Amino acid sequence: MRQEITLYSGNVKTIRLIEKHFADTSFTVTTRQGTPDSADFVVTTGGLQRPVEVFAAQLGATPAVLPEALLYLTGQAHHRGGLTLVGSDRKAQTND
């Protein structure tokens, strides 16, 4: 049985990193548009900045920098049975 990694992002670099990393695992990566009400992690390919940390807090998530956090995310995915990831590019959609 394949477990799922749900990724909310439109950032091509983020999508490629996640899909490539989880390609040879038991996880299926599903990319979605929009922003969920909650998430496990907010992922970014840049350094951690205050707006990313605030966005993660709003979603009840932990910020994670890619590609450095990929192994950690894999461990968490196995532990939790899947993950909901939100790209930091989604924060612009939540700020009016």
N, C-alpha and C. Protein backbone atom coordinates (compact mmCIF):
# COMPACT_ATOMS: atom_id res chain seq x y z
N MET A 1 0.84 -1.18 0.00
CA MET A 1 0.00 0.00 0.00
C MET A 1 0.89 1.25 0.00
N ARG A 2 0.69 2.13 -0.99
CA ARG A 2 1.48 3.35 -1.07
C ARG A 2 0.84 4.43 -0.23
N GLN A 3 1.68 5.14 0.49
CA GLN A 3 1.21 6.25 1.31
C GLN A 3 1.42 7.55 0.53
N GLU A 4 0.80 8.63 1.00
CA GLU A 4 0.77 9.85 0.20
C GLU A 4 1.48 11.03 0.85
N ILE A 5 2.21 11.76 0.01
CA ILE A 5 2.77 13.05 0.35
C ILE A 5 1.94 14.05 -0.47
N THR A 6 1.22 14.93 0.18
CA THR A 6 0.43 15.95 -0.51
C THR A 6 1.20 17.25 -0.46
N LEU A 7 1.49 17.80 -1.63
CA LEU A 7 2.28 19.02 -1.74
C LEU A 7 1.44 20.13 -2.37
N TYR A 8 1.27 21.21 -1.62
CA TYR A 8 0.58 22.39 -2.13
C TYR A 8 1.67 23.39 -2.53
N SER A 9 1.95 23.49 -3.82
CA SER A 9 2.97 24.40 -4.29
C SER A 9 2.85 24.58 -5.79
N GLY A 10 3.24 25.74 -6.24
CA GLY A 10 3.34 26.00 -7.67
C GLY A 10 4.77 26.25 -8.08
N ASN A 11 5.69 26.15 -7.12
CA ASN A 11 7.11 26.40 -7.37
C ASN A 11 7.74 25.17 -8.01
N VAL A 12 8.23 25.32 -9.23
CA VAL A 12 8.76 24.19 -9.99
C VAL A 12 9.95 23.54 -9.27
N LYS A 13 10.83 24.32 -8.69
CA LYS A 13 12.00 23.77 -7.99
C LYS A 13 11.57 22.93 -6.79
N THR A 14 10.62 23.42 -6.02
CA THR A 14 10.12 22.69 -4.86
C THR A 14 9.46 21.38 -5.29
N ILE A 15 8.63 21.45 -6.31
CA ILE A 15 7.93 20.26 -6.79
C ILE A 15 8.94 19.22 -7.27
N ARG A 16 9.92 19.64 -8.06
CA ARG A 16 10.94 18.70 -8.56
C ARG A 16 11.72 18.04 -7.42
N LEU A 17 12.14 18.83 -6.45
CA LEU A 17 12.90 18.27 -5.32
C LEU A 17 12.10 17.21 -4.57
N ILE A 18 10.85 17.51 -4.27
CA ILE A 18 10.00 16.56 -3.53
C ILE A 18 9.71 15.32 -4.37
N GLU A 19 9.31 15.51 -5.63
CA GLU A 19 8.99 14.36 -6.48
C GLU A 19 10.21 13.46 -6.70
N LYS A 20 11.36 14.07 -6.97
CA LYS A 20 12.58 13.28 -7.20
C LYS A 20 12.98 12.52 -5.95
N HIS A 21 12.92 13.18 -4.81
CA HIS A 21 13.34 12.54 -3.56
C HIS A 21 12.43 11.36 -3.20
N PHE A 22 11.14 11.50 -3.36
CA PHE A 22 10.21 10.44 -2.95
C PHE A 22 9.89 9.45 -4.07
N ALA A 23 10.53 9.59 -5.24
CA ALA A 23 10.24 8.71 -6.38
C ALA A 23 10.51 7.24 -6.09
N ASP A 24 11.56 6.94 -5.37
CA ASP A 24 11.94 5.55 -5.11
C ASP A 24 11.52 5.09 -3.72
N THR A 25 10.48 5.69 -3.19
CA THR A 25 10.00 5.29 -1.87
C THR A 25 8.59 4.71 -1.99
N SER A 26 8.00 4.39 -0.86
CA SER A 26 6.64 3.86 -0.86
C SER A 26 5.59 4.98 -0.86
N PHE A 27 6.03 6.22 -1.07
CA PHE A 27 5.12 7.36 -1.03
C PHE A 27 4.79 7.87 -2.42
N THR A 28 3.52 8.20 -2.62
CA THR A 28 3.07 8.83 -3.84
C THR A 28 2.99 10.34 -3.56
N VAL A 29 3.54 11.14 -4.46
CA VAL A 29 3.47 12.60 -4.30
C VAL A 29 2.33 13.13 -5.15
N THR A 30 1.41 13.84 -4.50
CA THR A 30 0.29 14.47 -5.17
C THR A 30 0.44 15.97 -5.00
N THR A 31 0.47 16.69 -6.12
CA THR A 31 0.60 18.15 -6.09
C THR A 31 -0.78 18.78 -6.24
N ARG A 32 -1.07 19.74 -5.38
CA ARG A 32 -2.36 20.42 -5.41
C ARG A 32 -2.17 21.93 -5.43
N GLN A 33 -3.18 22.62 -5.87
CA GLN A 33 -3.18 24.08 -5.85
C GLN A 33 -3.89 24.55 -4.58
N GLY A 34 -3.81 25.83 -4.31
CA GLY A 34 -4.48 26.39 -3.14
C GLY A 34 -3.63 26.23 -1.90
N THR A 35 -4.26 26.45 -0.76
CA THR A 35 -3.59 26.36 0.53
C THR A 35 -4.53 25.64 1.49
N PRO A 36 -4.05 24.60 2.17
CA PRO A 36 -4.91 23.88 3.12
C PRO A 36 -5.07 24.68 4.42
N ASP A 37 -5.98 24.24 5.27
CA ASP A 37 -6.18 24.89 6.57
C ASP A 37 -5.07 24.55 7.56
N SER A 38 -4.45 23.39 7.37
CA SER A 38 -3.35 22.97 8.24
C SER A 38 -2.37 22.13 7.44
N ALA A 39 -1.16 22.00 7.96
CA ALA A 39 -0.13 21.23 7.26
C ALA A 39 0.85 20.69 8.28
N ASP A 40 1.68 19.76 7.83
CA ASP A 40 2.74 19.24 8.68
C ASP A 40 3.99 20.12 8.60
N PHE A 41 4.34 20.51 7.37
CA PHE A 41 5.54 21.32 7.15
C PHE A 41 5.30 22.36 6.07
N VAL A 42 5.92 23.52 6.23
CA VAL A 42 6.01 24.52 5.17
C VAL A 42 7.43 24.41 4.64
N VAL A 43 7.57 24.09 3.35
CA VAL A 43 8.89 23.88 2.77
C VAL A 43 9.31 25.08 1.93
N THR A 44 10.60 25.38 1.98
CA THR A 44 11.16 26.49 1.24
C THR A 44 12.52 26.09 0.69
N THR A 45 12.87 26.63 -0.46
CA THR A 45 14.21 26.38 -1.01
C THR A 45 15.15 27.52 -0.67
N GLY A 46 14.63 28.57 -0.05
CA GLY A 46 15.45 29.68 0.42
C GLY A 46 15.72 29.51 1.90
N GLY A 47 16.41 30.43 2.47
CA GLY A 47 16.65 30.37 3.91
C GLY A 47 15.38 30.67 4.69
N LEU A 48 15.40 30.34 5.96
CA LEU A 48 14.25 30.65 6.81
C LEU A 48 14.18 32.15 7.03
N GLN A 49 13.03 32.68 6.77
CA GLN A 49 12.79 34.10 6.98
C GLN A 49 11.50 34.24 7.79
N ARG A 50 11.36 35.36 8.43
CA ARG A 50 10.21 35.58 9.30
C ARG A 50 8.87 35.31 8.60
N PRO A 51 8.64 35.77 7.37
CA PRO A 51 7.35 35.49 6.73
C PRO A 51 7.06 33.98 6.57
N VAL A 52 8.09 33.20 6.31
CA VAL A 52 7.90 31.75 6.19
C VAL A 52 7.56 31.16 7.56
N GLU A 53 8.24 31.61 8.60
CA GLU A 53 7.97 31.11 9.94
C GLU A 53 6.57 31.50 10.41
N VAL A 54 6.13 32.70 10.10
CA VAL A 54 4.77 33.14 10.46
C VAL A 54 3.74 32.32 9.70
N PHE A 55 3.98 32.10 8.41
CA PHE A 55 3.07 31.29 7.60
C PHE A 55 2.96 29.87 8.17
N ALA A 56 4.11 29.28 8.53
CA ALA A 56 4.10 27.94 9.12
C ALA A 56 3.28 27.93 10.41
N ALA A 57 3.47 28.93 11.25
CA ALA A 57 2.72 29.01 12.51
C ALA A 57 1.21 29.11 12.25
N GLN A 58 0.82 29.86 11.22
CA GLN A 58 -0.60 29.99 10.88
C GLN A 58 -1.22 28.65 10.48
N LEU A 59 -0.40 27.78 9.90
CA LEU A 59 -0.89 26.46 9.46
C LEU A 59 -0.67 25.37 10.51
N GLY A 60 -0.06 25.72 11.63
CA GLY A 60 0.27 24.71 12.65
C GLY A 60 1.36 23.78 12.17
N ALA A 61 2.26 24.31 11.32
CA ALA A 61 3.29 23.50 10.68
C ALA A 61 4.68 23.89 11.18
N THR A 62 5.65 23.10 10.79
CA THR A 62 7.05 23.37 11.07
C THR A 62 7.72 23.78 9.77
N PRO A 63 8.52 24.85 9.77
CA PRO A 63 9.24 25.22 8.55
C PRO A 63 10.39 24.24 8.27
N ALA A 64 10.64 23.97 7.00
CA ALA A 64 11.72 23.06 6.60
C ALA A 64 12.39 23.60 5.35
N VAL A 65 13.72 23.64 5.36
CA VAL A 65 14.49 24.15 4.23
C VAL A 65 14.94 22.98 3.36
N LEU A 66 14.64 23.06 2.07
CA LEU A 66 15.03 22.02 1.11
C LEU A 66 16.30 22.44 0.40
N PRO A 67 17.20 21.56 0.08
CA PRO A 67 17.10 20.10 0.17
C PRO A 67 17.58 19.53 1.50
N GLU A 68 18.08 20.38 2.39
CA GLU A 68 18.67 19.88 3.64
C GLU A 68 17.70 19.04 4.48
N ALA A 69 16.43 19.36 4.47
CA ALA A 69 15.46 18.68 5.32
C ALA A 69 14.84 17.43 4.70
N LEU A 70 15.24 17.05 3.51
CA LEU A 70 14.59 15.92 2.82
C LEU A 70 14.65 14.62 3.61
N LEU A 71 15.79 14.29 4.18
CA LEU A 71 15.89 13.05 4.96
C LEU A 71 15.01 13.11 6.21
N TYR A 72 14.97 14.26 6.84
CA TYR A 72 14.10 14.43 8.01
C TYR A 72 12.64 14.26 7.60
N LEU A 73 12.25 14.86 6.48
CA LEU A 73 10.87 14.73 6.00
C LEU A 73 10.52 13.28 5.70
N THR A 74 11.49 12.54 5.16
CA THR A 74 11.26 11.12 4.88
C THR A 74 10.99 10.35 6.17
N GLY A 75 11.79 10.60 7.18
CA GLY A 75 11.58 9.95 8.48
C GLY A 75 10.22 10.30 9.06
N GLN A 76 9.84 11.58 8.97
CA GLN A 76 8.54 12.00 9.47
C GLN A 76 7.40 11.38 8.67
N ALA A 77 7.58 11.25 7.37
CA ALA A 77 6.56 10.63 6.53
C ALA A 77 6.34 9.18 6.93
N HIS A 78 7.42 8.45 7.19
CA HIS A 78 7.30 7.06 7.63
C HIS A 78 6.64 6.99 9.00
N HIS A 79 7.03 7.88 9.88
CA HIS A 79 6.48 7.89 11.24
C HIS A 79 4.99 8.23 11.25
N ARG A 80 4.60 9.22 10.43
CA ARG A 80 3.22 9.71 10.42
C ARG A 80 2.33 9.01 9.40
N GLY A 81 2.92 8.23 8.51
CA GLY A 81 2.14 7.56 7.48
C GLY A 81 1.78 8.46 6.30
N GLY A 82 2.53 9.53 6.11
CA GLY A 82 2.29 10.48 5.03
C GLY A 82 2.46 11.89 5.57
N LEU A 83 2.48 12.86 4.67
CA LEU A 83 2.67 14.26 5.06
C LEU A 83 1.84 15.19 4.19
N THR A 84 1.51 16.33 4.76
CA THR A 84 0.97 17.44 4.00
C THR A 84 2.01 18.54 4.04
N LEU A 85 2.54 18.88 2.86
CA LEU A 85 3.57 19.90 2.73
C LEU A 85 2.99 21.09 1.99
N VAL A 86 3.39 22.29 2.40
CA VAL A 86 2.96 23.51 1.72
C VAL A 86 4.20 24.29 1.36
N GLY A 87 4.32 24.65 0.09
CA GLY A 87 5.44 25.46 -0.35
C GLY A 87 5.32 26.88 0.18
N SER A 88 6.43 27.49 0.48
CA SER A 88 6.40 28.85 1.00
C SER A 88 5.84 29.83 -0.02
N ASP A 89 5.79 29.43 -1.30
CA ASP A 89 5.19 30.29 -2.32
C ASP A 89 3.69 30.49 -2.09
N ARG A 90 3.06 29.65 -1.30
CA ARG A 90 1.63 29.76 -1.02
C ARG A 90 1.33 30.88 -0.04
N LYS A 91 2.32 31.38 0.69
CA LYS A 91 2.07 32.43 1.68
C LYS A 91 1.55 33.70 1.03
N ALA A 92 1.96 33.97 -0.20
CA ALA A 92 1.50 35.16 -0.90
C ALA A 92 -0.01 35.10 -1.16
N GLN A 93 -0.55 33.90 -1.28
CA GLN A 93 -1.99 33.75 -1.55
C GLN A 93 -2.82 33.98 -0.32
N THR A 94 -2.21 33.88 0.87
CA THR A 94 -2.98 34.04 2.10
C THR A 94 -2.94 35.47 2.62
N ASN A 95 -2.04 36.30 2.07
CA ASN A 95 -1.92 37.68 2.52
C ASN A 95 -2.70 38.60 1.60
N ASP A 96 -3.72 39.24 2.12
CA ASP A 96 -4.53 40.17 1.33
C ASP A 96 -4.12 41.59 1.61
